[in-house]
Amino acid sequence: MRFDVLTLFPESMDRFLNESIIGRARENGLIQINTYNIRDFSLDKHRKVDDYPYGGGAGMVMAPQPIYDAWKHITDPFDKKPRTIYMSPQGSLLTQKTAERLRNEEHLIILCGHYEGIDERIIEEIVDEEISIGDYVLTGGELPAMVLIDCISRLVEGVLSSEDSYSNESHYNGLLEYPQYTRPPEFKGRSVPDILVSGHHANIEKWRFLQMLERTREKRPDMFEKYESENNEKVLEAYGLLPKRKRRKKAGKVNDPEEGAPGLQDVPQDS
């Protein structure tokens, strides 16, 4: 997967994106990240990229020409124009579902604004989607762009060791992650839950799912309410609240109690 980032501060982004998991993914060719300094495309002899806003007001606005020329430099070699995202506090909120959708793109261009924003005409001309990482304002789009790249990249095949590395994490399936423990078995008088050292994997999975439900209900009741409405029977089963069922013989079958219950089917208990 390829990311092209239009920014005023490519060096600061590269320092972060060359570290840890994302850095190794770049080295191994699993993702490609290119940063472009918008100033390099300015026609001004001083490489100026901003100007005063029409109508007055505080601050400066990024001019359309350097951004457009930088964008054209990236897109001209391609028959299909890559999806262009502008990191903006006015955009839709970044969620795990957003990341899952965007990982299916082969090529993304990410535009980082600065100062008081960018000329509206460039948004109308080249931007396909605006994304925000939260309801607050930052000094520029570089931090949000790095968050977006990190969030998408870890879903690309091969970047993490296995799908399990992210499929059980918070927000991936609509719930918060279960608590994690490692050595030592006791720390400051607090012990690792016995179930996790029992070796009974089925019971461990049940415990973890119940912990996910409990954590989400406590910390993010909005998420829990949504998950419960979409997975009601699964939630009731986890809490042991499903109605009890009794078993009856299938027609024409005689059941041997010593052989377990083949030939039996569940039916709702009579009221």
C-alpha atoms as a PDB file:
ATOM      1  CA  MET A   1       0.000   0.000   0.000  1.00  0.00           C
ATOM      2  CA  ARG A   2       1.240   3.466  -0.870  1.00  0.00           C
ATOM      3  CA  PHE A   3       0.826   6.704   1.091  1.00  0.00           C
ATOM      4  CA  ASP A   4       1.859  10.076  -0.355  1.00  0.00           C
ATOM      5  CA  VAL A   5       1.805  12.919   2.156  1.00  0.00           C
ATOM      6  CA  LEU A   6       1.734  16.612   1.269  1.00  0.00           C
ATOM      7  CA  THR A   7       3.169  18.563   4.191  1.00  0.00           C
ATOM      8  CA  LEU A   8       5.293  21.531   5.231  1.00  0.00           C
ATOM      9  CA  PHE A   9       7.305  19.347   7.624  1.00  0.00           C
ATOM     10  CA  PRO A  10       8.345  16.108   5.883  1.00  0.00           C
ATOM     11  CA  GLU A  11      11.419  15.535   8.058  1.00  0.00           C
ATOM     12  CA  SER A  12       9.453  15.460  11.304  1.00  0.00           C
ATOM     13  CA  MET A  13       6.999  12.965   9.834  1.00  0.00           C
ATOM     14  CA  ASP A  14       9.715  10.710   8.452  1.00  0.00           C
ATOM     15  CA  ARG A  15      11.410  10.508  11.850  1.00  0.00           C
ATOM     16  CA  PHE A  16       8.272   9.056  13.381  1.00  0.00           C
ATOM     17  CA  LEU A  17       7.281   6.871  10.421  1.00  0.00           C
ATOM     18  CA  ASN A  18      10.716   5.233  10.280  1.00  0.00           C
ATOM     19  CA  GLU A  19      10.404   3.819  13.793  1.00  0.00           C
ATOM     20  CA  SER A  20       9.022   0.598  15.259  1.00  0.00           C
ATOM     21  CA  ILE A  21       6.408  -1.482  13.408  1.00  0.00           C
ATOM     22  CA  ILE A  22       5.704   1.103  10.707  1.00  0.00           C
ATOM     23  CA  GLY A  23       9.423   1.592  10.068  1.00  0.00           C
ATOM     24  CA  ARG A  24       9.964  -2.162   9.680  1.00  0.00           C
ATOM     25  CA  ALA A  25       6.967  -2.393   7.362  1.00  0.00           C
ATOM     26  CA  ARG A  26       8.541   0.305   5.183  1.00  0.00           C
ATOM     27  CA  GLU A  27      11.885  -1.486   5.159  1.00  0.00           C
ATOM     28  CA  ASN A  28      10.221  -4.755   4.177  1.00  0.00           C
ATOM     29  CA  GLY A  29       8.260  -3.147   1.368  1.00  0.00           C
ATOM     30  CA  LEU A  30       4.854  -3.900   2.875  1.00  0.00           C
ATOM     31  CA  ILE A  31       3.912  -0.229   2.774  1.00  0.00           C
ATOM     32  CA  GLN A  32       5.363   2.734   0.915  1.00  0.00           C
ATOM     33  CA  ILE A  33       5.298   6.202   2.476  1.00  0.00           C
ATOM     34  CA  ASN A  34       6.489   9.245   0.536  1.00  0.00           C
ATOM     35  CA  THR A  35       6.490  12.745   2.000  1.00  0.00           C
ATOM     36  CA  TYR A  36       6.513  15.845  -0.214  1.00  0.00           C
ATOM     37  CA  ASN A  37       7.398  19.336   0.952  1.00  0.00           C
ATOM     38  CA  ILE A  38       4.711  21.661  -0.394  1.00  0.00           C
ATOM     39  CA  ARG A  39       7.237  24.522  -0.362  1.00  0.00           C
ATOM     40  CA  ASP A  40       9.208  22.772  -3.117  1.00  0.00           C
ATOM     41  CA  PHE A  41       6.323  23.474  -5.491  1.00  0.00           C
ATOM     42  CA  SER A  42       5.893  27.174  -4.694  1.00  0.00           C
ATOM     43  CA  LEU A  43       6.497  29.576  -7.590  1.00  0.00           C
ATOM     44  CA  ASP A  44       7.449  32.327  -5.149  1.00  0.00           C
ATOM     45  CA  LYS A  45      11.184  33.042  -4.998  1.00  0.00           C
ATOM     46  CA  HIS A  46      11.034  32.827  -1.205  1.00  0.00           C
ATOM     47  CA  ARG A  47       9.081  29.517  -1.374  1.00  0.00           C
ATOM     48  CA  LYS A  48       6.097  31.222   0.220  1.00  0.00           C
ATOM     49  CA  VAL A  49       3.029  29.004   0.529  1.00  0.00           C
ATOM     50  CA  ASP A  50       0.536  31.209   2.403  1.00  0.00           C
ATOM     51  CA  ASP A  51      -1.184  34.574   2.143  1.00  0.00           C
ATOM     52  CA  TYR A  52      -3.643  36.847   3.948  1.00  0.00           C
ATOM     53  CA  PRO A  53      -7.294  35.742   3.899  1.00  0.00           C
ATOM     54  CA  TYR A  54      -9.779  37.593   1.727  1.00  0.00           C
ATOM     55  CA  GLY A  55     -12.309  39.412   3.868  1.00  0.00           C
ATOM     56  CA  GLY A  56      -9.823  39.903   6.673  1.00  0.00           C
ATOM     57  CA  GLY A  57      -9.273  37.885   9.795  1.00  0.00           C
ATOM     58  CA  ALA A  58      -6.431  36.523  11.875  1.00  0.00           C
ATOM     59  CA  GLY A  59      -3.692  34.291  10.565  1.00  0.00           C
ATOM     60  CA  MET A  60      -2.675  33.140   7.121  1.00  0.00           C
ATOM     61  CA  VAL A  61      -4.233  30.739   4.614  1.00  0.00           C
ATOM     62  CA  MET A  62      -2.305  28.174   2.560  1.00  0.00           C
ATOM     63  CA  ALA A  63      -2.450  29.143  -1.114  1.00  0.00           C
ATOM     64  CA  PRO A  64      -3.859  26.723  -3.707  1.00  0.00           C
ATOM     65  CA  GLN A  65      -1.070  26.795  -6.308  1.00  0.00           C
ATOM     66  CA  PRO A  66       1.745  24.981  -4.408  1.00  0.00           C
ATOM     67  CA  ILE A  67      -0.665  22.340  -3.096  1.00  0.00           C
ATOM     68  CA  TYR A  68      -2.218  21.711  -6.498  1.00  0.00           C
ATOM     69  CA  ASP A  69       1.147  21.452  -8.257  1.00  0.00           C
ATOM     70  CA  ALA A  70       2.427  19.038  -5.611  1.00  0.00           C
ATOM     71  CA  TRP A  71      -0.720  16.942  -5.989  1.00  0.00           C
ATOM     72  CA  LYS A  72      -0.376  16.945  -9.800  1.00  0.00           C
ATOM     73  CA  HIS A  73       3.253  15.855  -9.458  1.00  0.00           C
ATOM     74  CA  ILE A  74       2.043  12.739  -7.635  1.00  0.00           C
ATOM     75  CA  THR A  75      -1.065  11.952  -9.666  1.00  0.00           C
ATOM     76  CA  ASP A  76       0.046  12.624 -13.250  1.00  0.00           C
ATOM     77  CA  PRO A  77       1.883   9.285 -13.710  1.00  0.00           C
ATOM     78  CA  PHE A  78      -1.243   7.317 -12.778  1.00  0.00           C
ATOM     79  CA  ASP A  79      -4.240   6.517 -14.970  1.00  0.00           C
ATOM     80  CA  LYS A  80      -6.444   6.210 -11.885  1.00  0.00           C
ATOM     81  CA  LYS A  81      -6.327   9.133  -9.496  1.00  0.00           C
ATOM     82  CA  PRO A  82      -5.544   8.050  -5.903  1.00  0.00           C
ATOM     83  CA  ARG A  83      -8.032   8.877  -3.156  1.00  0.00           C
ATOM     84  CA  THR A  84      -7.083  12.210  -1.587  1.00  0.00           C
ATOM     85  CA  ILE A  85      -7.749  12.847   2.106  1.00  0.00           C
ATOM     86  CA  TYR A  86      -7.517  16.200   3.856  1.00  0.00           C
ATOM     87  CA  MET A  87      -6.841  16.027   7.593  1.00  0.00           C
ATOM     88  CA  SER A  88      -9.312  18.569   8.919  1.00  0.00           C
ATOM     89  CA  PRO A  89     -11.201  19.251  12.188  1.00  0.00           C
ATOM     90  CA  GLN A  90     -14.280  19.584   9.965  1.00  0.00           C
ATOM     91  CA  GLY A  91     -13.929  16.034   8.653  1.00  0.00           C
ATOM     92  CA  SER A  92     -15.697  12.857   9.684  1.00  0.00           C
ATOM     93  CA  LEU A  93     -14.300  11.252  12.822  1.00  0.00           C
ATOM     94  CA  LEU A  94     -11.618   8.605  12.303  1.00  0.00           C
ATOM     95  CA  THR A  95     -12.827   5.213  13.551  1.00  0.00           C
ATOM     96  CA  GLN A  96     -11.623   1.649  13.236  1.00  0.00           C
ATOM     97  CA  LYS A  97     -14.228   1.103  10.499  1.00  0.00           C
ATOM     98  CA  THR A  98     -12.759   4.041   8.587  1.00  0.00           C
ATOM     99  CA  ALA A  99      -9.322   2.430   8.768  1.00  0.00           C
ATOM    100  CA  GLU A 100     -10.697  -0.935   7.638  1.00  0.00           C
ATOM    101  CA  ARG A 101     -12.361   0.723   4.647  1.00  0.00           C
ATOM    102  CA  LEU A 102      -9.281   2.693   3.627  1.00  0.00           C
ATOM    103  CA  ARG A 103      -6.899  -0.257   3.874  1.00  0.00           C
ATOM    104  CA  ASN A 104      -8.610  -1.571   0.729  1.00  0.00           C
ATOM    105  CA  GLU A 105      -7.236   1.393  -1.210  1.00  0.00           C
ATOM    106  CA  GLU A 106      -3.990   0.736  -3.043  1.00  0.00           C
ATOM    107  CA  HIS A 107      -2.893   4.357  -2.936  1.00  0.00           C
ATOM    108  CA  LEU A 108      -3.804   7.287  -0.668  1.00  0.00           C
ATOM    109  CA  ILE A 109      -2.742  10.929  -0.815  1.00  0.00           C
ATOM    110  CA  ILE A 110      -2.931  12.737   2.520  1.00  0.00           C
ATOM    111  CA  LEU A 111      -2.948  16.532   2.644  1.00  0.00           C
ATOM    112  CA  CYS A 112      -1.793  18.266   5.823  1.00  0.00           C
ATOM    113  CA  GLY A 113      -3.053  21.790   6.369  1.00  0.00           C
ATOM    114  CA  HIS A 114      -1.434  24.482   8.498  1.00  0.00           C
ATOM    115  CA  TYR A 115      -1.940  28.045   9.697  1.00  0.00           C
ATOM    116  CA  GLU A 116      -5.665  28.938   9.430  1.00  0.00           C
ATOM    117  CA  GLY A 117      -6.302  26.195   6.879  1.00  0.00           C
ATOM    118  CA  ILE A 118      -6.129  25.935   3.122  1.00  0.00           C
ATOM    119  CA  ASP A 119      -7.888  27.773   0.294  1.00  0.00           C
ATOM    120  CA  GLU A 120     -11.376  26.264  -0.099  1.00  0.00           C
ATOM    121  CA  ARG A 121     -10.914  25.916  -3.852  1.00  0.00           C
ATOM    122  CA  ILE A 122      -8.188  23.314  -3.412  1.00  0.00           C
ATOM    123  CA  ILE A 123     -10.546  21.238  -1.262  1.00  0.00           C
ATOM    124  CA  GLU A 124     -13.186  21.450  -3.968  1.00  0.00           C
ATOM    125  CA  GLU A 125     -10.679  20.593  -6.697  1.00  0.00           C
ATOM    126  CA  ILE A 126      -8.704  17.638  -5.346  1.00  0.00           C
ATOM    127  CA  VAL A 127     -10.041  16.387  -1.984  1.00  0.00           C
ATOM    128  CA  ASP A 128     -12.249  13.265  -1.908  1.00  0.00           C
ATOM    129  CA  GLU A 129     -12.663  13.000   1.857  1.00  0.00           C
ATOM    130  CA  GLU A 130     -11.969  15.017   5.001  1.00  0.00           C
ATOM    131  CA  ILE A 131     -11.029  13.164   8.199  1.00  0.00           C
ATOM    132  CA  SER A 132     -10.649  14.390  11.781  1.00  0.00           C
ATOM    133  CA  ILE A 133      -9.007  12.530  14.667  1.00  0.00           C
ATOM    134  CA  GLY A 134     -11.082  14.314  17.302  1.00  0.00           C
ATOM    135  CA  ASP A 135     -13.117  17.344  18.257  1.00  0.00           C
ATOM    136  CA  TYR A 136     -10.176  19.637  18.916  1.00  0.00           C
ATOM    137  CA  VAL A 137      -7.814  21.815  16.895  1.00  0.00           C
ATOM    138  CA  LEU A 138      -4.093  21.217  16.337  1.00  0.00           C
ATOM    139  CA  THR A 139      -1.472  23.482  14.794  1.00  0.00           C
ATOM    140  CA  GLY A 140      -1.258  21.341  11.666  1.00  0.00           C
ATOM    141  CA  GLY A 141      -2.322  18.144   9.952  1.00  0.00           C
ATOM    142  CA  GLU A 142       0.926  16.236  10.410  1.00  0.00           C
ATOM    143  CA  LEU A 143       0.037  14.518  13.694  1.00  0.00           C
ATOM    144  CA  PRO A 144      -3.415  13.485  12.409  1.00  0.00           C
ATOM    145  CA  ALA A 145      -1.830  12.206   9.184  1.00  0.00           C
ATOM    146  CA  MET A 146       0.604  10.037  11.138  1.00  0.00           C
ATOM    147  CA  VAL A 147      -2.265   8.704  13.254  1.00  0.00           C
ATOM    148  CA  LEU A 148      -4.186   7.803  10.095  1.00  0.00           C
ATOM    149  CA  ILE A 149      -1.192   6.099   8.479  1.00  0.00           C
ATOM    150  CA  ASP A 150      -0.416   4.103  11.625  1.00  0.00           C
ATOM    151  CA  CYS A 151      -4.058   3.078  12.053  1.00  0.00           C
ATOM    152  CA  ILE A 152      -4.370   1.845   8.448  1.00  0.00           C
ATOM    153  CA  SER A 153      -0.888   0.336   8.078  1.00  0.00           C
ATOM    154  CA  ARG A 154      -1.218  -2.111  10.959  1.00  0.00           C
ATOM    155  CA  LEU A 155      -4.195  -3.661   9.129  1.00  0.00           C
ATOM    156  CA  VAL A 156      -2.145  -4.331   5.997  1.00  0.00           C
ATOM    157  CA  GLU A 157      -1.320  -8.012   5.622  1.00  0.00           C
ATOM    158  CA  GLY A 158       2.105  -8.865   7.014  1.00  0.00           C
ATOM    159  CA  VAL A 159       2.642  -5.657   8.992  1.00  0.00           C
ATOM    160  CA  LEU A 160       1.662  -7.361  12.255  1.00  0.00           C
ATOM    161  CA  SER A 161       2.645 -10.928  13.082  1.00  0.00           C
ATOM    162  CA  SER A 162      -0.922 -12.219  12.753  1.00  0.00           C
ATOM    163  CA  GLU A 163      -4.502 -11.053  12.449  1.00  0.00           C
ATOM    164  CA  ASP A 164      -4.963 -11.916  16.135  1.00  0.00           C
ATOM    165  CA  SER A 165      -2.623  -9.009  16.904  1.00  0.00           C
ATOM    166  CA  TYR A 166      -5.392  -6.565  16.037  1.00  0.00           C
ATOM    167  CA  SER A 167      -8.646  -8.548  15.773  1.00  0.00           C
ATOM    168  CA  ASN A 168      -9.086  -8.693  19.571  1.00  0.00           C
ATOM    169  CA  GLU A 169      -8.041  -5.107  20.220  1.00  0.00           C
ATOM    170  CA  SER A 170     -10.252  -2.291  21.397  1.00  0.00           C
ATOM    171  CA  HIS A 171     -12.730  -1.029  18.793  1.00  0.00           C
ATOM    172  CA  TYR A 172     -11.933  -3.689  16.183  1.00  0.00           C
ATOM    173  CA  ASN A 173     -15.117  -5.682  16.889  1.00  0.00           C
ATOM    174  CA  GLY A 174     -17.096  -2.953  18.623  1.00  0.00           C
ATOM    175  CA  LEU A 175     -15.825  -3.693  22.139  1.00  0.00           C
ATOM    176  CA  LEU A 176     -12.896  -2.635  24.303  1.00  0.00           C
ATOM    177  CA  GLU A 177     -10.050  -5.108  24.739  1.00  0.00           C
ATOM    178  CA  TYR A 178      -9.868  -7.539  27.666  1.00  0.00           C
ATOM    179  CA  PRO A 179      -7.169  -6.955  30.354  1.00  0.00           C
ATOM    180  CA  GLN A 180      -3.683  -8.282  29.608  1.00  0.00           C
ATOM    181  CA  TYR A 181      -1.118  -9.786  32.020  1.00  0.00           C
ATOM    182  CA  THR A 182       2.474 -11.004  31.837  1.00  0.00           C
ATOM    183  CA  ARG A 183       5.183 -12.145  34.290  1.00  0.00           C
ATOM    184  CA  PRO A 184       5.583 -12.055  37.242  1.00  0.00           C
ATOM    185  CA  PRO A 185       2.476 -13.952  38.383  1.00  0.00           C
ATOM    186  CA  GLU A 186       2.162 -11.596  41.371  1.00  0.00           C
ATOM    187  CA  PHE A 187       2.968  -7.880  41.563  1.00  0.00           C
ATOM    188  CA  LYS A 188       2.333  -5.554  44.522  1.00  0.00           C
ATOM    189  CA  GLY A 189      -0.011  -8.125  46.019  1.00  0.00           C
ATOM    190  CA  ARG A 190      -2.042  -8.443  42.819  1.00  0.00           C
ATOM    191  CA  SER A 191      -2.152 -11.855  41.149  1.00  0.00           C
ATOM    192  CA  VAL A 192      -2.840 -12.866  37.587  1.00  0.00           C
ATOM    193  CA  PRO A 193      -6.409 -14.276  37.379  1.00  0.00           C
ATOM    194  CA  ASP A 194      -6.371 -18.047  37.912  1.00  0.00           C
ATOM    195  CA  ILE A 195      -8.290 -18.687  34.700  1.00  0.00           C
ATOM    196  CA  LEU A 196      -5.386 -17.373  32.603  1.00  0.00           C
ATOM    197  CA  VAL A 197      -2.956 -19.935  34.027  1.00  0.00           C
ATOM    198  CA  SER A 198      -5.452 -22.810  33.960  1.00  0.00           C
ATOM    199  CA  GLY A 199      -4.533 -23.944  30.451  1.00  0.00           C
ATOM    200  CA  HIS A 200      -8.248 -24.326  29.616  1.00  0.00           C
ATOM    201  CA  HIS A 201      -8.399 -22.346  26.379  1.00  0.00           C
ATOM    202  CA  ALA A 202     -12.163 -22.490  25.902  1.00  0.00           C
ATOM    203  CA  ASN A 203     -12.762 -21.094  29.383  1.00  0.00           C
ATOM    204  CA  ILE A 204     -10.095 -18.455  28.830  1.00  0.00           C
ATOM    205  CA  GLU A 205     -11.862 -17.292  25.665  1.00  0.00           C
ATOM    206  CA  LYS A 206     -15.189 -17.103  27.494  1.00  0.00           C
ATOM    207  CA  TRP A 207     -13.581 -15.123  30.324  1.00  0.00           C
ATOM    208  CA  ARG A 208     -11.915 -12.712  27.918  1.00  0.00           C
ATOM    209  CA  PHE A 209     -15.138 -12.061  26.034  1.00  0.00           C
ATOM    210  CA  LEU A 210     -16.977 -11.393  29.285  1.00  0.00           C
ATOM    211  CA  GLN A 211     -14.206  -8.982  30.324  1.00  0.00           C
ATOM    212  CA  MET A 212     -14.574  -7.171  27.013  1.00  0.00           C
ATOM    213  CA  LEU A 213     -18.287  -6.762  27.649  1.00  0.00           C
ATOM    214  CA  GLU A 214     -17.747  -5.599  31.227  1.00  0.00           C
ATOM    215  CA  ARG A 215     -15.023  -3.094  30.326  1.00  0.00           C
ATOM    216  CA  THR A 216     -17.067  -1.654  27.496  1.00  0.00           C
ATOM    217  CA  ARG A 217     -20.196  -1.373  29.638  1.00  0.00           C
ATOM    218  CA  GLU A 218     -18.212   0.422  32.360  1.00  0.00           C
ATOM    219  CA  LYS A 219     -15.966   2.686  30.276  1.00  0.00           C
ATOM    220  CA  ARG A 220     -17.938   3.194  27.065  1.00  0.00           C
ATOM    221  CA  PRO A 221     -21.649   2.630  27.689  1.00  0.00           C
ATOM    222  CA  ASP A 222     -22.417   4.135  24.277  1.00  0.00           C
ATOM    223  CA  MET A 223     -20.382   1.397  22.575  1.00  0.00           C
ATOM    224  CA  PHE A 224     -21.879  -1.296  24.794  1.00  0.00           C
ATOM    225  CA  GLU A 225     -25.430  -0.225  24.002  1.00  0.00           C
ATOM    226  CA  LYS A 226     -24.732  -0.389  20.266  1.00  0.00           C
ATOM    227  CA  TYR A 227     -22.993  -3.767  20.503  1.00  0.00           C
ATOM    228  CA  GLU A 228     -25.745  -5.220  22.698  1.00  0.00           C
ATOM    229  CA  SER A 229     -28.467  -4.120  20.300  1.00  0.00           C
ATOM    230  CA  GLU A 230     -26.681  -5.817  17.394  1.00  0.00           C
ATOM    231  CA  ASN A 231     -25.554  -8.957  19.286  1.00  0.00           C
ATOM    232  CA  ASN A 232     -28.243  -9.426  21.924  1.00  0.00           C
ATOM    233  CA  GLU A 233     -28.241 -13.227  22.056  1.00  0.00           C
ATOM    234  CA  LYS A 234     -24.439 -13.373  22.182  1.00  0.00           C
ATOM    235  CA  VAL A 235     -24.397 -10.944  25.117  1.00  0.00           C
ATOM    236  CA  LEU A 236     -27.138 -12.810  26.982  1.00  0.00           C
ATOM    237  CA  GLU A 237     -25.265 -16.075  26.499  1.00  0.00           C
ATOM    238  CA  ALA A 238     -22.042 -14.576  27.864  1.00  0.00           C
ATOM    239  CA  TYR A 239     -23.869 -13.446  31.018  1.00  0.00           C
ATOM    240  CA  GLY A 240     -25.716 -16.776  31.339  1.00  0.00           C
ATOM    241  CA  LEU A 241     -29.090 -15.109  30.789  1.00  0.00           C
ATOM    242  CA  LEU A 242     -30.419 -17.083  27.842  1.00  0.00           C
ATOM    243  CA  PRO A 243     -33.693 -18.921  28.650  1.00  0.00           C
ATOM    244  CA  LYS A 244     -33.159 -22.501  29.750  1.00  0.00           C
ATOM    245  CA  ARG A 245     -33.954 -25.177  27.199  1.00  0.00           C
ATOM    246  CA  LYS A 246     -35.040 -28.774  27.547  1.00  0.00           C
ATOM    247  CA  ARG A 247     -34.385 -31.601  25.156  1.00  0.00           C
ATOM    248  CA  ARG A 248     -36.777 -33.990  23.440  1.00  0.00           C
ATOM    249  CA  LYS A 249     -36.321 -37.056  21.283  1.00  0.00           C
ATOM    250  CA  LYS A 250     -36.452 -36.821  17.526  1.00  0.00           C
ATOM    251  CA  ALA A 251     -39.324 -38.807  16.002  1.00  0.00           C
ATOM    252  CA  GLY A 252     -38.444 -42.459  15.493  1.00  0.00           C
ATOM    253  CA  LYS A 253     -35.291 -42.300  17.622  1.00  0.00           C
ATOM    254  CA  VAL A 254     -34.601 -44.095  20.891  1.00  0.00           C
ATOM    255  CA  ASN A 255     -31.891 -42.507  22.964  1.00  0.00           C
ATOM    256  CA  ASP A 256     -29.464 -44.484  25.061  1.00  0.00           C
ATOM    257  CA  PRO A 257     -28.643 -42.304  28.092  1.00  0.00           C
ATOM    258  CA  GLU A 258     -25.164 -43.827  28.315  1.00  0.00           C
ATOM    259  CA  GLU A 259     -24.322 -42.617  24.818  1.00  0.00           C
ATOM    260  CA  GLY A 260     -24.825 -38.944  25.491  1.00  0.00           C
ATOM    261  CA  ALA A 261     -27.379 -37.069  23.442  1.00  0.00           C
ATOM    262  CA  PRO A 262     -27.157 -37.906  19.713  1.00  0.00           C
ATOM    263  CA  GLY A 263     -30.591 -37.683  18.178  1.00  0.00           C
ATOM    264  CA  LEU A 264     -31.706 -34.913  20.563  1.00  0.00           C
ATOM    265  CA  GLN A 265     -32.600 -31.394  19.662  1.00  0.00           C
ATOM    266  CA  ASP A 266     -33.052 -28.217  21.672  1.00  0.00           C
ATOM    267  CA  VAL A 267     -36.528 -26.825  21.998  1.00  0.00           C
ATOM    268  CA  PRO A 268     -37.716 -23.831  23.997  1.00  0.00           C
ATOM    269  CA  GLN A 269     -38.940 -24.735  27.462  1.00  0.00           C
ATOM    270  CA  ASP A 270     -42.699 -24.687  27.792  1.00  0.00           C
ATOM    271  CA  SER A 271     -44.000 -21.665  29.588  1.00  0.00           C
END
